């Protein structure tokens, strides 16, 4: 069973220079899966939540490209919160409920996903998620 012990904070390499910052992602070395989809989230009003779902199959690497994001995770039994600053990321396995709180309107999130988009992969009801995790 997937639990919060399977969540991994990943510090991406950063090259900070006078003319800008570079944060590379090596798809063959640093990731726990081969990405099949990526998306960006921008323009979220201060302290507004997004996400609020789990996936049956999809694994994600959530990356804070700019700003600050609190990632709230729940494994069906307990919850944890993690704060990501620019250049920090977190691996979220399938069957982990996640929600993100954006601290400023200029915060940018990028997600790398292990699957293509499939609306049937989403669990959007927290009570249903808890029941699934508890075998009910």
Protein backbone atom coordinates (compact mmCIF):
# COMPACT_ATOMS: atom_id res chain seq x y z
CA UNK A 1 0.00 0.00 0.00
CA UNK A 2 1.28 3.47 -0.90
CA UNK A 3 1.82 5.72 2.14
CA UNK A 4 3.49 9.04 2.90
CA UNK A 5 6.74 7.10 3.37
CA UNK A 6 6.78 6.79 -0.44
CA UNK A 7 6.82 10.59 -0.89
CA UNK A 8 10.29 11.94 -1.66
CA UNK A 9 11.53 15.53 -1.54
CA UNK A 10 13.94 15.96 -4.44
CA UNK A 11 16.41 18.82 -4.58
CA UNK A 12 17.00 19.58 -8.23
CA UNK A 13 20.39 20.86 -9.34
CA UNK A 14 20.52 24.62 -9.71
CA UNK A 15 23.05 26.73 -11.53
CA UNK A 16 22.70 30.28 -10.24
CA UNK A 17 24.55 32.86 -12.30
CA UNK A 18 24.51 36.63 -12.72
CA UNK A 19 22.58 36.32 -15.99
CA UNK A 20 19.89 33.94 -14.69
CA UNK A 21 19.25 30.58 -13.11
CA UNK A 22 19.17 27.15 -14.76
CA UNK A 23 17.45 24.12 -13.22
CA UNK A 24 17.94 21.05 -15.43
CA UNK A 25 15.94 17.84 -15.12
CA UNK A 26 17.61 14.67 -16.33
CA UNK A 27 14.80 12.34 -17.42
CA UNK A 28 17.04 9.29 -17.33
CA UNK A 29 18.73 9.82 -13.97
CA UNK A 30 16.74 11.85 -11.46
CA UNK A 31 13.16 10.75 -12.02
CA UNK A 32 11.40 7.69 -10.63
CA UNK A 33 9.33 7.30 -13.82
CA UNK A 34 9.41 8.22 -17.51
CA UNK A 35 7.28 11.36 -17.98
CA UNK A 36 4.43 11.14 -20.48
CA UNK A 37 2.80 14.49 -19.74
CA UNK A 38 3.69 17.85 -18.29
CA UNK A 39 1.67 20.89 -17.33
CA UNK A 40 2.23 24.35 -15.85
CA UNK A 41 0.03 26.18 -13.35
CA UNK A 42 0.35 29.97 -13.13
CA UNK A 43 -1.71 32.96 -12.07
CA UNK A 44 -3.30 31.36 -9.00
CA UNK A 45 -4.49 34.04 -6.54
CA UNK A 46 -2.54 34.26 -3.26
CA UNK A 47 -3.22 31.39 -0.86
CA UNK A 48 -5.77 29.73 -3.13
CA UNK A 49 -5.78 25.91 -3.18
CA UNK A 50 -5.49 23.78 -6.29
CA UNK A 51 -5.24 20.07 -6.88
CA UNK A 52 -7.52 18.49 -4.29
CA UNK A 53 -7.44 15.03 -5.83
CA UNK A 54 -5.60 11.73 -6.01
CA UNK A 55 -4.80 9.46 -8.95
CA UNK A 56 -5.38 5.74 -9.30
CA UNK A 57 -2.30 5.35 -11.54
CA UNK A 58 -0.50 8.63 -12.14
CA UNK A 59 2.74 9.44 -10.34
CA UNK A 60 3.92 13.05 -10.37
CA UNK A 61 6.96 15.17 -9.77
CA UNK A 62 5.66 18.55 -8.59
CA UNK A 63 8.21 21.32 -9.12
CA UNK A 64 8.10 24.86 -7.78
CA UNK A 65 9.61 26.84 -10.67
CA UNK A 66 9.00 30.20 -9.03
CA UNK A 67 7.66 31.37 -5.68
CA UNK A 68 6.48 29.20 -2.82
CA UNK A 69 3.98 26.33 -2.67
CA UNK A 70 2.69 24.36 0.29
CA UNK A 71 1.92 20.81 -0.82
CA UNK A 72 -0.56 19.04 1.47
CA UNK A 73 -0.55 15.26 1.11
CA UNK A 74 -2.69 12.55 2.68
CA UNK A 75 -2.26 8.78 2.38
CA UNK A 76 -5.70 7.86 3.70
CA UNK A 77 -4.50 7.56 7.29
CA UNK A 78 -2.47 10.69 7.99
CA UNK A 79 -1.52 13.95 6.37
CA UNK A 80 1.71 15.91 5.95
CA UNK A 81 2.54 19.34 4.54
CA UNK A 82 5.70 20.24 2.66
CA UNK A 83 6.84 23.71 1.61
CA UNK A 84 8.51 24.00 -1.78
CA UNK A 85 10.53 27.06 -2.70
CA UNK A 86 11.89 27.91 -6.14
CA UNK A 87 13.82 24.94 -7.55
CA UNK A 88 12.47 22.38 -5.08
CA UNK A 89 10.30 19.43 -5.98
CA UNK A 90 8.41 16.52 -4.48
CA UNK A 91 7.61 13.07 -5.85
CA UNK A 92 3.95 12.17 -5.28
CA UNK A 93 3.09 8.50 -5.90
CA UNK A 94 -0.29 7.33 -7.10
CA UNK A 95 -3.06 6.97 -4.49
CA UNK A 96 -1.84 9.95 -2.45
CA UNK A 97 -4.29 12.83 -2.05
CA UNK A 98 -2.64 16.16 -2.86
CA UNK A 99 -3.49 19.82 -2.65
CA UNK A 100 -1.29 22.82 -3.33
CA UNK A 101 -1.51 26.26 -1.76
CA UNK A 102 0.15 29.04 -3.77
CA UNK A 103 1.71 31.70 -1.55
CA UNK A 104 1.94 34.46 -4.18
CA UNK A 105 0.24 35.14 -7.50
CA UNK A 106 3.59 34.88 -9.35
CA UNK A 107 4.16 31.30 -8.16
CA UNK A 108 4.67 28.78 -10.98
CA UNK A 109 4.21 25.02 -10.62
CA UNK A 110 5.29 22.42 -13.18
CA UNK A 111 4.13 18.83 -12.92
CA UNK A 112 5.73 15.90 -14.72
CA UNK A 113 3.32 12.96 -14.90
CA UNK A 114 3.83 9.25 -15.49
CA UNK A 115 0.65 8.91 -17.59
CA UNK A 116 -1.25 10.74 -20.30
CA UNK A 117 -4.34 12.64 -19.17
CA UNK A 118 -7.29 10.38 -18.38
CA UNK A 119 -10.23 11.83 -16.46
CA UNK A 120 -11.08 8.37 -15.08
CA UNK A 121 -7.70 8.34 -13.27
CA UNK A 122 -8.83 11.14 -10.92
CA UNK A 123 -10.36 10.70 -7.47
CA UNK A 124 -11.94 14.10 -6.75
CA UNK A 125 -13.89 13.20 -3.62
CA UNK A 126 -11.83 13.01 -0.41
CA UNK A 127 -14.37 10.75 1.35
CA UNK A 128 -14.29 8.31 -1.56
CA UNK A 129 -10.47 8.38 -1.45
CA UNK A 130 -10.48 7.55 2.28
CA UNK A 131 -12.87 4.65 1.69
CA UNK A 132 -10.71 3.29 -1.13
CA UNK A 133 -7.57 3.49 1.00
CA UNK A 134 -9.30 1.73 3.87
CA UNK A 135 -10.62 -1.07 1.65
CA UNK A 136 -14.28 -0.10 1.92
